[in-house]
Amino acid sequence: MVIVVEKREFVTVFSIDGSVDGTTARELVTSLRAQVTEGSARLVGNLAGVDYTSSAGLRALLETVKETRQHGGDLRLAAVRPEVLRVLELSGFTSILQVFVDVDAAVASFAA
C-alpha cells in the first residue's frame, strides 16, 4: 500500500494505492492520525487505487472518522471502486461516511 498526501486549501487529500487489510491498516491509521494531529481534520480519501479492503481497513476508516470529528473535521471518501463500495455498503459505512464520485466533489463538499 502506498499513501500520497496532498494539501488543497483547507482540505487534505490522501490517495491510497493497494489493498487496505490487516497488514496495512495500522500504517494508514498512523499516517492519517498524524495529519489530524498537525491540524488537518478535514480529510478526503481518494480510494481510486484501492482494490480491496478487509474488516481491518474498515476499522481504520472508522477510527479516522472518529478522530477527525473530535477535532471539528470529517473524513469523506472519493472515487471508490465498485467492489470496495459494495463492502462499505454491506457493512453500513455509507451511512457513516459520505462518498463522492471524485476528489473534486469531495473537496468542494467541505465548502458547502
PDB file of N, CA and C in Angstrom:
ATOM      1  N   MET A   1       0.839  -1.169   0.000  1.00  0.00           N
ATOM      2  CA  MET A   1       0.000   0.000   0.000  1.00  0.00           C
ATOM      3  C   MET A   1       0.889   1.239   0.000  1.00  0.00           C
ATOM      4  N   VAL A   2       0.497   2.206  -0.811  1.00  0.00           N
ATOM      5  CA  VAL A   2       1.196   3.484  -0.889  1.00  0.00           C
ATOM      6  C   VAL A   2       0.189   4.581  -0.569  1.00  0.00           C
ATOM      7  N   ILE A   3       0.582   5.531   0.293  1.00  0.00           N
ATOM      8  CA  ILE A   3      -0.275   6.660   0.644  1.00  0.00           C
ATOM      9  C   ILE A   3       0.424   7.938   0.196  1.00  0.00           C
ATOM     10  N   VAL A   4      -0.276   8.737  -0.605  1.00  0.00           N
ATOM     11  CA  VAL A   4       0.241  10.027  -1.048  1.00  0.00           C
ATOM     12  C   VAL A   4      -0.668  11.101  -0.472  1.00  0.00           C
ATOM     13  N   VAL A   5      -0.073  12.081   0.209  1.00  0.00           N
ATOM     14  CA  VAL A   5      -0.832  13.149   0.854  1.00  0.00           C
ATOM     15  C   VAL A   5      -0.641  14.439   0.078  1.00  0.00           C
ATOM     16  N   GLU A   6      -1.754  15.134  -0.156  1.00  0.00           N
ATOM     17  CA  GLU A   6      -1.735  16.395  -0.904  1.00  0.00           C
ATOM     18  C   GLU A   6      -2.620  17.409  -0.173  1.00  0.00           C
ATOM     19  N   LYS A   7      -2.078  18.588   0.058  1.00  0.00           N
ATOM     20  CA  LYS A   7      -2.839  19.663   0.699  1.00  0.00           C
ATOM     21  C   LYS A   7      -3.549  20.467  -0.384  1.00  0.00           C
ATOM     22  N   ARG A   8      -4.846  20.686  -0.178  1.00  0.00           N
ATOM     23  CA  ARG A   8      -5.651  21.511  -1.080  1.00  0.00           C
ATOM     24  C   ARG A   8      -6.396  22.531  -0.240  1.00  0.00           C
ATOM     25  N   GLU A   9      -5.944  23.759  -0.267  1.00  0.00           N
ATOM     26  CA  GLU A   9      -6.550  24.831   0.515  1.00  0.00           C
ATOM     27  C   GLU A   9      -6.777  24.391   1.954  1.00  0.00           C
ATOM     28  N   PHE A  10      -7.997  24.109   2.334  1.00  0.00           N
ATOM     29  CA  PHE A  10      -8.341  23.776   3.712  1.00  0.00           C
ATOM     30  C   PHE A  10      -8.655  22.290   3.893  1.00  0.00           C
ATOM     31  N   VAL A  11      -8.311  21.478   2.901  1.00  0.00           N
ATOM     32  CA  VAL A  11      -8.590  20.040   2.934  1.00  0.00           C
ATOM     33  C   VAL A  11      -7.302  19.273   2.613  1.00  0.00           C
ATOM     34  N   THR A  12      -7.137  18.143   3.277  1.00  0.00           N
ATOM     35  CA  THR A  12      -6.011  17.261   2.977  1.00  0.00           C
ATOM     36  C   THR A  12      -6.555  16.034   2.250  1.00  0.00           C
ATOM     37  N   VAL A  13      -6.002  15.764   1.083  1.00  0.00           N
ATOM     38  CA  VAL A  13      -6.409  14.613   0.277  1.00  0.00           C
ATOM     39  C   VAL A  13      -5.332  13.546   0.416  1.00  0.00           C
ATOM     40  N   PHE A  14      -5.762  12.340   0.766  1.00  0.00           N
ATOM     41  CA  PHE A  14      -4.823  11.232   0.790  1.00  0.00           C
ATOM     42  C   PHE A  14      -5.282  10.196  -0.227  1.00  0.00           C
ATOM     43  N   SER A  15      -4.362   9.823  -1.093  1.00  0.00           N
ATOM     44  CA  SER A  15      -4.646   8.830  -2.130  1.00  0.00           C
ATOM     45  C   SER A  15      -3.958   7.530  -1.748  1.00  0.00           C
ATOM     46  N   ILE A  16      -4.733   6.465  -1.795  1.00  0.00           N
ATOM     47  CA  ILE A  16      -4.217   5.145  -1.425  1.00  0.00           C
ATOM     48  C   ILE A  16      -4.134   4.286  -2.675  1.00  0.00           C
ATOM     49  N   ASP A  17      -3.033   3.590  -2.795  1.00  0.00           N
ATOM     50  CA  ASP A  17      -2.857   2.646  -3.896  1.00  0.00           C
ATOM     51  C   ASP A  17      -2.522   1.289  -3.288  1.00  0.00           C
ATOM     52  N   GLY A  18      -3.394   0.301  -3.536  1.00  0.00           N
ATOM     53  CA  GLY A  18      -3.166  -1.033  -2.999  1.00  0.00           C
ATOM     54  C   GLY A  18      -4.292  -1.466  -2.087  1.00  0.00           C
ATOM     55  N   SER A  19      -4.094  -2.559  -1.411  1.00  0.00           N
ATOM     56  CA  SER A  19      -5.102  -3.115  -0.509  1.00  0.00           C
ATOM     57  C   SER A  19      -4.976  -2.520   0.884  1.00  0.00           C
ATOM     58  N   VAL A  20      -6.125  -2.378   1.548  1.00  0.00           N
ATOM     59  CA  VAL A  20      -6.140  -1.952   2.947  1.00  0.00           C
ATOM     60  C   VAL A  20      -6.651  -3.162   3.733  1.00  0.00           C
ATOM     61  N   ASP A  21      -5.733  -3.798   4.436  1.00  0.00           N
ATOM     62  CA  ASP A  21      -6.068  -5.029   5.146  1.00  0.00           C
ATOM     63  C   ASP A  21      -5.308  -5.087   6.462  1.00  0.00           C
ATOM     64  N   GLY A  22      -5.289  -6.234   7.080  1.00  0.00           N
ATOM     65  CA  GLY A  22      -4.629  -6.392   8.366  1.00  0.00           C
ATOM     66  C   GLY A  22      -3.154  -6.038   8.355  1.00  0.00           C
ATOM     67  N   THR A  23      -2.524  -6.176   7.223  1.00  0.00           N
ATOM     68  CA  THR A  23      -1.101  -5.873   7.101  1.00  0.00           C
ATOM     69  C   THR A  23      -0.841  -4.377   6.971  1.00  0.00           C
ATOM     70  N   THR A  24      -1.757  -3.644   6.359  1.00  0.00           N
ATOM     71  CA  THR A  24      -1.514  -2.238   6.034  1.00  0.00           C
ATOM     72  C   THR A  24      -2.373  -1.235   6.805  1.00  0.00           C
ATOM     73  N   ALA A  25      -3.418  -1.696   7.463  1.00  0.00           N
ATOM     74  CA  ALA A  25      -4.362  -0.784   8.123  1.00  0.00           C
ATOM     75  C   ALA A  25      -3.699   0.080   9.187  1.00  0.00           C
ATOM     76  N   ARG A  26      -2.812  -0.479   9.979  1.00  0.00           N
ATOM     77  CA  ARG A  26      -2.157   0.295  11.038  1.00  0.00           C
ATOM     78  C   ARG A  26      -1.342   1.433  10.443  1.00  0.00           C
ATOM     79  N   GLU A  27      -0.663   1.178   9.326  1.00  0.00           N
ATOM     80  CA  GLU A  27       0.104   2.223   8.637  1.00  0.00           C
ATOM     81  C   GLU A  27      -0.820   3.361   8.192  1.00  0.00           C
ATOM     82  N   LEU A  28      -1.989   3.004   7.690  1.00  0.00           N
ATOM     83  CA  LEU A  28      -2.959   4.005   7.261  1.00  0.00           C
ATOM     84  C   LEU A  28      -3.415   4.856   8.442  1.00  0.00           C
ATOM     85  N   VAL A  29      -3.794   4.222   9.539  1.00  0.00           N
ATOM     86  CA  VAL A  29      -4.246   4.957  10.724  1.00  0.00           C
ATOM     87  C   VAL A  29      -3.143   5.885  11.232  1.00  0.00           C
ATOM     88  N   THR A  30      -1.937   5.398  11.300  1.00  0.00           N
ATOM     89  CA  THR A  30      -0.812   6.204  11.780  1.00  0.00           C
ATOM     90  C   THR A  30      -0.599   7.427  10.897  1.00  0.00           C
ATOM     91  N   SER A  31      -0.645   7.227   9.604  1.00  0.00           N
ATOM     92  CA  SER A  31      -0.452   8.332   8.658  1.00  0.00           C
ATOM     93  C   SER A  31      -1.560   9.371   8.775  1.00  0.00           C
ATOM     94  N   LEU A  32      -2.799   8.912   8.875  1.00  0.00           N
ATOM     95  CA  LEU A  32      -3.926   9.851   8.941  1.00  0.00           C
ATOM     96  C   LEU A  32      -4.011  10.532  10.300  1.00  0.00           C
ATOM     97  N   ARG A  33      -3.689   9.810  11.348  1.00  0.00           N
ATOM     98  CA  ARG A  33      -3.670  10.417  12.680  1.00  0.00           C
ATOM     99  C   ARG A  33      -2.644  11.552  12.719  1.00  0.00           C
ATOM    100  N   ALA A  34      -1.525  11.368  12.065  1.00  0.00           N
ATOM    101  CA  ALA A  34      -0.505  12.419  12.012  1.00  0.00           C
ATOM    102  C   ALA A  34      -1.061  13.670  11.328  1.00  0.00           C
ATOM    103  N   GLN A  35      -1.843  13.486  10.279  1.00  0.00           N
ATOM    104  CA  GLN A  35      -2.446  14.637   9.595  1.00  0.00           C
ATOM    105  C   GLN A  35      -3.381  15.396  10.533  1.00  0.00           C
ATOM    106  N   VAL A  36      -4.209  14.668  11.253  1.00  0.00           N
ATOM    107  CA  VAL A  36      -5.171  15.292  12.170  1.00  0.00           C
ATOM    108  C   VAL A  36      -4.427  16.000  13.292  1.00  0.00           C
ATOM    109  N   THR A  37      -3.414  15.362  13.842  1.00  0.00           N
ATOM    110  CA  THR A  37      -2.624  15.952  14.922  1.00  0.00           C
ATOM    111  C   THR A  37      -1.962  17.251  14.473  1.00  0.00           C
ATOM    112  N   GLU A  38      -1.575  17.311  13.206  1.00  0.00           N
ATOM    113  CA  GLU A  38      -0.935  18.512  12.657  1.00  0.00           C
ATOM    114  C   GLU A  38      -1.946  19.583  12.270  1.00  0.00           C
ATOM    115  N   GLY A  39      -3.237  19.334  12.528  1.00  0.00           N
ATOM    116  CA  GLY A  39      -4.251  20.350  12.271  1.00  0.00           C
ATOM    117  C   GLY A  39      -5.083  20.137  11.025  1.00  0.00           C
ATOM    118  N   SER A  40      -4.914  19.037  10.355  1.00  0.00           N
ATOM    119  CA  SER A  40      -5.689  18.745   9.140  1.00  0.00           C
ATOM    120  C   SER A  40      -6.805  17.766   9.472  1.00  0.00           C
ATOM    121  N   ALA A  41      -7.912  18.282   9.983  1.00  0.00           N
ATOM    122  CA  ALA A  41      -9.025  17.414  10.387  1.00  0.00           C
ATOM    123  C   ALA A  41     -10.048  17.228   9.271  1.00  0.00           C
ATOM    124  N   ARG A  42      -9.884  17.934   8.179  1.00  0.00           N
ATOM    125  CA  ARG A  42     -10.766  17.750   7.015  1.00  0.00           C
ATOM    126  C   ARG A  42     -10.014  16.901   6.006  1.00  0.00           C
ATOM    127  N   LEU A  43     -10.406  15.630   5.933  1.00  0.00           N
ATOM    128  CA  LEU A  43      -9.705  14.678   5.086  1.00  0.00           C
ATOM    129  C   LEU A  43     -10.612  14.139   3.988  1.00  0.00           C
ATOM    130  N   VAL A  44     -10.027  13.968   2.814  1.00  0.00           N
ATOM    131  CA  VAL A  44     -10.687  13.285   1.702  1.00  0.00           C
ATOM    132  C   VAL A  44      -9.813  12.106   1.320  1.00  0.00           C
ATOM    133  N   GLY A  45     -10.418  10.925   1.333  1.00  0.00           N
ATOM    134  CA  GLY A  45      -9.708   9.716   0.936  1.00  0.00           C
ATOM    135  C   GLY A  45     -10.010   9.372  -0.510  1.00  0.00           C
ATOM    136  N   ASN A  46      -8.995   9.475  -1.358  1.00  0.00           N
ATOM    137  CA  ASN A  46      -9.127   9.082  -2.752  1.00  0.00           C
ATOM    138  C   ASN A  46      -8.854   7.583  -2.819  1.00  0.00           C
ATOM    139  N   LEU A  47      -9.912   6.802  -3.004  1.00  0.00           N
ATOM    140  CA  LEU A  47      -9.780   5.339  -2.994  1.00  0.00           C
ATOM    141  C   LEU A  47      -9.765   4.733  -4.393  1.00  0.00           C
ATOM    142  N   ALA A  48      -9.487   5.539  -5.396  1.00  0.00           N
ATOM    143  CA  ALA A  48      -9.466   5.037  -6.772  1.00  0.00           C
ATOM    144  C   ALA A  48      -8.466   3.896  -6.953  1.00  0.00           C
ATOM    145  N   GLY A  49      -7.404   3.889  -6.167  1.00  0.00           N
ATOM    146  CA  GLY A  49      -6.379   2.856  -6.286  1.00  0.00           C
ATOM    147  C   GLY A  49      -6.545   1.695  -5.333  1.00  0.00           C
ATOM    148  N   VAL A  50      -7.628   1.686  -4.553  1.00  0.00           N
ATOM    149  CA  VAL A  50      -7.850   0.603  -3.593  1.00  0.00           C
ATOM    150  C   VAL A  50      -8.701  -0.482  -4.244  1.00  0.00           C
ATOM    151  N   ASP A  51      -8.138  -1.668  -4.338  1.00  0.00           N
ATOM    152  CA  ASP A  51      -8.862  -2.766  -4.974  1.00  0.00           C
ATOM    153  C   ASP A  51      -9.484  -3.728  -3.970  1.00  0.00           C
ATOM    154  N   TYR A  52      -9.102  -3.568  -2.687  1.00  0.00           N
ATOM    155  CA  TYR A  52      -9.621  -4.483  -1.661  1.00  0.00           C
ATOM    156  C   TYR A  52      -9.497  -3.828  -0.294  1.00  0.00           C
ATOM    157  N   THR A  53     -10.508  -4.017   0.542  1.00  0.00           N
ATOM    158  CA  THR A  53     -10.411  -3.637   1.947  1.00  0.00           C
ATOM    159  C   THR A  53     -11.015  -4.742   2.797  1.00  0.00           C
ATOM    160  N   SER A  54     -10.345  -5.030   3.885  1.00  0.00           N
ATOM    161  CA  SER A  54     -10.830  -6.040   4.834  1.00  0.00           C
ATOM    162  C   SER A  54     -11.499  -5.331   6.003  1.00  0.00           C
ATOM    163  N   SER A  55     -11.914  -6.099   6.990  1.00  0.00           N
ATOM    164  CA  SER A  55     -12.501  -5.502   8.186  1.00  0.00           C
ATOM    165  C   SER A  55     -11.483  -4.617   8.901  1.00  0.00           C
ATOM    166  N   ALA A  56     -10.216  -4.937   8.797  1.00  0.00           N
ATOM    167  CA  ALA A  56      -9.172  -4.091   9.392  1.00  0.00           C
ATOM    168  C   ALA A  56      -9.138  -2.729   8.701  1.00  0.00           C
ATOM    169  N   GLY A  57      -9.342  -2.723   7.400  1.00  0.00           N
ATOM    170  CA  GLY A  57      -9.411  -1.463   6.663  1.00  0.00           C
ATOM    171  C   GLY A  57     -10.624  -0.647   7.069  1.00  0.00           C
ATOM    172  N   LEU A  58     -11.741  -1.323   7.290  1.00  0.00           N
ATOM    173  CA  LEU A  58     -12.954  -0.629   7.745  1.00  0.00           C
ATOM    174  C   LEU A  58     -12.738  -0.032   9.131  1.00  0.00           C
ATOM    175  N   ARG A  59     -12.082  -0.774  10.005  1.00  0.00           N
ATOM    176  CA  ARG A  59     -11.783  -0.249  11.341  1.00  0.00           C
ATOM    177  C   ARG A  59     -10.882   0.973  11.257  1.00  0.00           C
ATOM    178  N   ALA A  60      -9.929   0.951  10.324  1.00  0.00           N
ATOM    179  CA  ALA A  60      -9.034   2.099  10.132  1.00  0.00           C
ATOM    180  C   ALA A  60      -9.827   3.332   9.707  1.00  0.00           C
ATOM    181  N   LEU A  61     -10.782   3.150   8.810  1.00  0.00           N
ATOM    182  CA  LEU A  61     -11.627   4.275   8.385  1.00  0.00           C
ATOM    183  C   LEU A  61     -12.475   4.781   9.541  1.00  0.00           C
ATOM    184  N   LEU A  62     -13.040   3.870  10.317  1.00  0.00           N
ATOM    185  CA  LEU A  62     -13.877   4.256  11.443  1.00  0.00           C
ATOM    186  C   LEU A  62     -13.062   5.015  12.496  1.00  0.00           C
ATOM    187  N   GLU A  63     -11.881   4.522  12.780  1.00  0.00           N
ATOM    188  CA  GLU A  63     -11.001   5.194  13.740  1.00  0.00           C
ATOM    189  C   GLU A  63     -10.665   6.604  13.259  1.00  0.00           C
ATOM    190  N   THR A  64     -10.405   6.731  11.974  1.00  0.00           N
ATOM    191  CA  THR A  64     -10.042   8.027  11.408  1.00  0.00           C
ATOM    192  C   THR A  64     -11.210   8.996  11.411  1.00  0.00           C
ATOM    193  N   VAL A  65     -12.401   8.537  11.046  1.00  0.00           N
ATOM    194  CA  VAL A  65     -13.551   9.445  11.029  1.00  0.00           C
ATOM    195  C   VAL A  65     -13.858   9.921  12.444  1.00  0.00           C
ATOM    196  N   LYS A  66     -13.732   9.070  13.430  1.00  0.00           N
ATOM    197  CA  LYS A  66     -13.948   9.485  14.824  1.00  0.00           C
ATOM    198  C   LYS A  66     -12.937  10.554  15.216  1.00  0.00           C
ATOM    199  N   GLU A  67     -11.697  10.328  14.872  1.00  0.00           N
ATOM    200  CA  GLU A  67     -10.617  11.271  15.197  1.00  0.00           C
ATOM    201  C   GLU A  67     -10.861  12.630  14.536  1.00  0.00           C
ATOM    202  N   THR A  68     -11.219  12.626  13.262  1.00  0.00           N
ATOM    203  CA  THR A  68     -11.444  13.904  12.568  1.00  0.00           C
ATOM    204  C   THR A  68     -12.619  14.655  13.166  1.00  0.00           C
ATOM    205  N   ARG A  69     -13.677  13.953  13.485  1.00  0.00           N
ATOM    206  CA  ARG A  69     -14.867  14.606  14.036  1.00  0.00           C
ATOM    207  C   ARG A  69     -14.613  15.158  15.434  1.00  0.00           C
ATOM    208  N   GLN A  70     -13.771  14.504  16.202  1.00  0.00           N
ATOM    209  CA  GLN A  70     -13.404  15.022  17.521  1.00  0.00           C
ATOM    210  C   GLN A  70     -12.622  16.331  17.409  1.00  0.00           C
ATOM    211  N   HIS A  71     -12.004  16.544  16.265  1.00  0.00           N
ATOM    212  CA  HIS A  71     -11.227  17.765  16.024  1.00  0.00           C
ATOM    213  C   HIS A  71     -11.965  18.755  15.128  1.00  0.00           C
ATOM    214  N   GLY A  72     -13.278  18.590  15.001  1.00  0.00           N
ATOM    215  CA  GLY A  72     -14.084  19.538  14.242  1.00  0.00           C
ATOM    216  C   GLY A  72     -14.046  19.356  12.738  1.00  0.00           C
ATOM    217  N   GLY A  73     -13.579  18.223  12.273  1.00  0.00           N
ATOM    218  CA  GLY A  73     -13.495  17.969  10.838  1.00  0.00           C
ATOM    219  C   GLY A  73     -14.345  16.783  10.431  1.00  0.00           C
ATOM    220  N   ASP A  74     -13.924  16.128   9.371  1.00  0.00           N
ATOM    221  CA  ASP A  74     -14.634  14.954   8.875  1.00  0.00           C
ATOM    222  C   ASP A  74     -13.732  14.207   7.907  1.00  0.00           C
ATOM    223  N   LEU A  75     -14.105  12.984   7.622  1.00  0.00           N
ATOM    224  CA  LEU A  75     -13.459  12.156   6.605  1.00  0.00           C
ATOM    225  C   LEU A  75     -14.499  11.867   5.536  1.00  0.00           C
ATOM    226  N   ARG A  76     -14.158  12.157   4.300  1.00  0.00           N
ATOM    227  CA  ARG A  76     -15.048  11.867   3.172  1.00  0.00           C
ATOM    228  C   ARG A  76     -14.259  11.047   2.158  1.00  0.00           C
ATOM    229  N   LEU A  77     -14.964  10.161   1.470  1.00  0.00           N
ATOM    230  CA  LEU A  77     -14.320   9.272   0.504  1.00  0.00           C
ATOM    231  C   LEU A  77     -14.678   9.662  -0.914  1.00  0.00           C
ATOM    232  N   ALA A  78     -13.763   9.387  -1.826  1.00  0.00           N
ATOM    233  CA  ALA A  78     -13.973   9.740  -3.235  1.00  0.00           C
ATOM    234  C   ALA A  78     -13.448   8.636  -4.149  1.00  0.00           C
ATOM    235  N   ALA A  79     -14.064   8.548  -5.314  1.00  0.00           N
ATOM    236  CA  ALA A  79     -13.605   7.651  -6.387  1.00  0.00           C
ATOM    237  C   ALA A  79     -13.466   6.209  -5.908  1.00  0.00           C
ATOM    238  N   VAL A  80     -14.444   5.743  -5.161  1.00  0.00           N
ATOM    239  CA  VAL A  80     -14.404   4.394  -4.596  1.00  0.00           C
ATOM    240  C   VAL A  80     -14.782   3.384  -5.678  1.00  0.00           C
ATOM    241  N   ARG A  81     -13.949   2.394  -5.863  1.00  0.00           N
ATOM    242  CA  ARG A  81     -14.226   1.339  -6.842  1.00  0.00           C
ATOM    243  C   ARG A  81     -15.472   0.554  -6.437  1.00  0.00           C
ATOM    244  N   PRO A  82     -16.205   0.020  -7.411  1.00  0.00           N
ATOM    245  CA  PRO A  82     -17.452  -0.697  -7.108  1.00  0.00           C
ATOM    246  C   PRO A  82     -17.292  -1.835  -6.100  1.00  0.00           C
ATOM    247  N   GLU A  83     -16.222  -2.603  -6.199  1.00  0.00           N
ATOM    248  CA  GLU A  83     -16.043  -3.734  -5.287  1.00  0.00           C
ATOM    249  C   GLU A  83     -15.790  -3.266  -3.847  1.00  0.00           C
ATOM    250  N   VAL A  84     -15.115  -2.142  -3.680  1.00  0.00           N
ATOM    251  CA  VAL A  84     -14.874  -1.582  -2.343  1.00  0.00           C
ATOM    252  C   VAL A  84     -16.143  -0.892  -1.842  1.00  0.00           C
ATOM    253  N   LEU A  85     -16.845  -0.212  -2.733  1.00  0.00           N
ATOM    254  CA  LEU A  85     -18.102   0.431  -2.359  1.00  0.00           C
ATOM    255  C   LEU A  85     -19.096  -0.601  -1.850  1.00  0.00           C
ATOM    256  N   ARG A  86     -19.124  -1.752  -2.458  1.00  0.00           N
ATOM    257  CA  ARG A  86     -20.031  -2.827  -2.027  1.00  0.00           C
ATOM    258  C   ARG A  86     -19.727  -3.243  -0.586  1.00  0.00           C
ATOM    259  N   VAL A  87     -18.459  -3.359  -0.246  1.00  0.00           N
ATOM    260  CA  VAL A  87     -18.060  -3.697   1.124  1.00  0.00           C
ATOM    261  C   VAL A  87     -18.512  -2.592   2.081  1.00  0.00           C
ATOM    262  N   LEU A  88     -18.328  -1.344   1.679  1.00  0.00           N
ATOM    263  CA  LEU A  88     -18.754  -0.213   2.513  1.00  0.00           C
ATOM    264  C   LEU A  88     -20.268  -0.224   2.717  1.00  0.00           C
ATOM    265  N   GLU A  89     -20.998  -0.521   1.660  1.00  0.00           N
ATOM    266  CA  GLU A  89     -22.464  -0.565   1.747  1.00  0.00           C
ATOM    267  C   GLU A  89     -22.930  -1.713   2.644  1.00  0.00           C
ATOM    268  N   LEU A  90     -22.380  -2.888   2.431  1.00  0.00           N
ATOM    269  CA  LEU A  90     -22.790  -4.067   3.206  1.00  0.00           C
ATOM    270  C   LEU A  90     -22.478  -3.926   4.693  1.00  0.00           C
ATOM    271  N   SER A  91     -21.429  -3.195   4.999  1.00  0.00           N
ATOM    272  CA  SER A  91     -21.027  -3.027   6.396  1.00  0.00           C
ATOM    273  C   SER A  91     -21.683  -1.811   7.052  1.00  0.00           C
ATOM    274  N   GLY A  92     -22.480  -1.070   6.286  1.00  0.00           N
ATOM    275  CA  GLY A  92     -23.174   0.087   6.839  1.00  0.00           C
ATOM    276  C   GLY A  92     -22.338   1.360   6.880  1.00  0.00           C
ATOM    277  N   PHE A  93     -21.171   1.349   6.286  1.00  0.00           N
ATOM    278  CA  PHE A  93     -20.289   2.513   6.334  1.00  0.00           C
ATOM    279  C   PHE A  93     -20.784   3.681   5.491  1.00  0.00           C
ATOM    280  N   THR A  94     -21.620   3.415   4.515  1.00  0.00           N
ATOM    281  CA  THR A  94     -22.129   4.521   3.701  1.00  0.00           C
ATOM    282  C   THR A  94     -23.132   5.376   4.476  1.00  0.00           C
ATOM    283  N   SER A  95     -23.585   4.894   5.623  1.00  0.00           N
ATOM    284  CA  SER A  95     -24.430   5.731   6.482  1.00  0.00           C
ATOM    285  C   SER A  95     -23.577   6.562   7.440  1.00  0.00           C
ATOM    286  N   ILE A  96     -22.304   6.219   7.568  1.00  0.00           N
ATOM    287  CA  ILE A  96     -21.380   6.929   8.452  1.00  0.00           C
ATOM    288  C   ILE A  96     -20.540   7.927   7.663  1.00  0.00           C
ATOM    289  N   LEU A  97     -20.082   7.510   6.496  1.00  0.00           N
ATOM    290  CA  LEU A  97     -19.185   8.310   5.664  1.00  0.00           C
ATOM    291  C   LEU A  97     -19.882   8.777   4.390  1.00  0.00           C
ATOM    292  N   GLN A  98     -19.588   9.999   3.990  1.00  0.00           N
ATOM    293  CA  GLN A  98     -20.091  10.477   2.705  1.00  0.00           C
ATOM    294  C   GLN A  98     -19.141   9.994   1.611  1.00  0.00           C
ATOM    295  N   VAL A  99     -19.722   9.518   0.517  1.00  0.00           N
ATOM    296  CA  VAL A  99     -18.936   9.011  -0.601  1.00  0.00           C
ATOM    297  C   VAL A  99     -19.258   9.854  -1.832  1.00  0.00           C
ATOM    298  N   PHE A 100     -18.206  10.329  -2.506  1.00  0.00           N
ATOM    299  CA  PHE A 100     -18.358  11.197  -3.669  1.00  0.00           C
ATOM    300  C   PHE A 100     -17.758  10.537  -4.907  1.00  0.00           C
ATOM    301  N   VAL A 101     -18.270  10.943  -6.051  1.00  0.00           N
ATOM    302  CA  VAL A 101     -17.836  10.344  -7.313  1.00  0.00           C
ATOM    303  C   VAL A 101     -16.368  10.643  -7.620  1.00  0.00           C
ATOM    304  N   ASP A 102     -15.877  11.825  -7.212  1.00  0.00           N
ATOM    305  CA  ASP A 102     -14.472  12.154  -7.465  1.00  0.00           C
ATOM    306  C   ASP A 102     -13.930  13.046  -6.352  1.00  0.00           C
ATOM    307  N   VAL A 103     -12.644  13.256  -6.368  1.00  0.00           N
ATOM    308  CA  VAL A 103     -11.953  14.023  -5.325  1.00  0.00           C
ATOM    309  C   VAL A 103     -12.439  15.473  -5.309  1.00  0.00           C
ATOM    310  N   ASP A 104     -12.590  16.082  -6.485  1.00  0.00           N
ATOM    311  CA  ASP A 104     -13.012  17.476  -6.537  1.00  0.00           C
ATOM    312  C   ASP A 104     -14.359  17.691  -5.862  1.00  0.00           C
ATOM    313  N   ALA A 105     -15.297  16.782  -6.074  1.00  0.00           N
ATOM    314  CA  ALA A 105     -16.622  16.883  -5.443  1.00  0.00           C
ATOM    315  C   ALA A 105     -16.501  16.730  -3.931  1.00  0.00           C
ATOM    316  N   ALA A 106     -15.671  15.824  -3.483  1.00  0.00           N
ATOM    317  CA  ALA A 106     -15.488  15.612  -2.046  1.00  0.00           C
ATOM    318  C   ALA A 106     -14.852  16.840  -1.395  1.00  0.00           C
ATOM    319  N   VAL A 107     -13.844  17.405  -2.035  1.00  0.00           N
ATOM    320  CA  VAL A 107     -13.195  18.610  -1.511  1.00  0.00           C
ATOM    321  C   VAL A 107     -14.193  19.755  -1.471  1.00  0.00           C
ATOM    322  N   ALA A 108     -14.956  19.937  -2.539  1.00  0.00           N
ATOM    323  CA  ALA A 108     -15.937  21.017  -2.618  1.00  0.00           C
ATOM    324  C   ALA A 108     -17.027  20.881  -1.555  1.00  0.00           C
ATOM    325  N   SER A 109     -17.330  19.651  -1.128  1.00  0.00           N
ATOM    326  CA  SER A 109     -18.392  19.436  -0.141  1.00  0.00           C
ATOM    327  C   SER A 109     -18.043  20.076   1.204  1.00  0.00           C
ATOM    328  N   PHE A 110     -16.783  20.287   1.489  1.00  0.00           N
ATOM    329  CA  PHE A 110     -16.408  20.928   2.738  1.00  0.00           C
ATOM    330  C   PHE A 110     -16.739  22.424   2.730  1.00  0.00           C
ATOM    331  N   ALA A 111     -16.820  23.006   1.559  1.00  0.00           N
ATOM    332  CA  ALA A 111     -17.123  24.442   1.449  1.00  0.00           C
ATOM    333  C   ALA A 111     -18.619  24.700   1.562  1.00  0.00           C
ATOM    334  N   ALA A 112     -19.415  23.674   1.324  1.00  0.00           N
ATOM    335  CA  ALA A 112     -20.874  23.848   1.329  1.00  0.00           C
ATOM    336  C   ALA A 112     -21.438  24.043   2.717  1.00  0.00           C
TER     337      ALA A 112
END
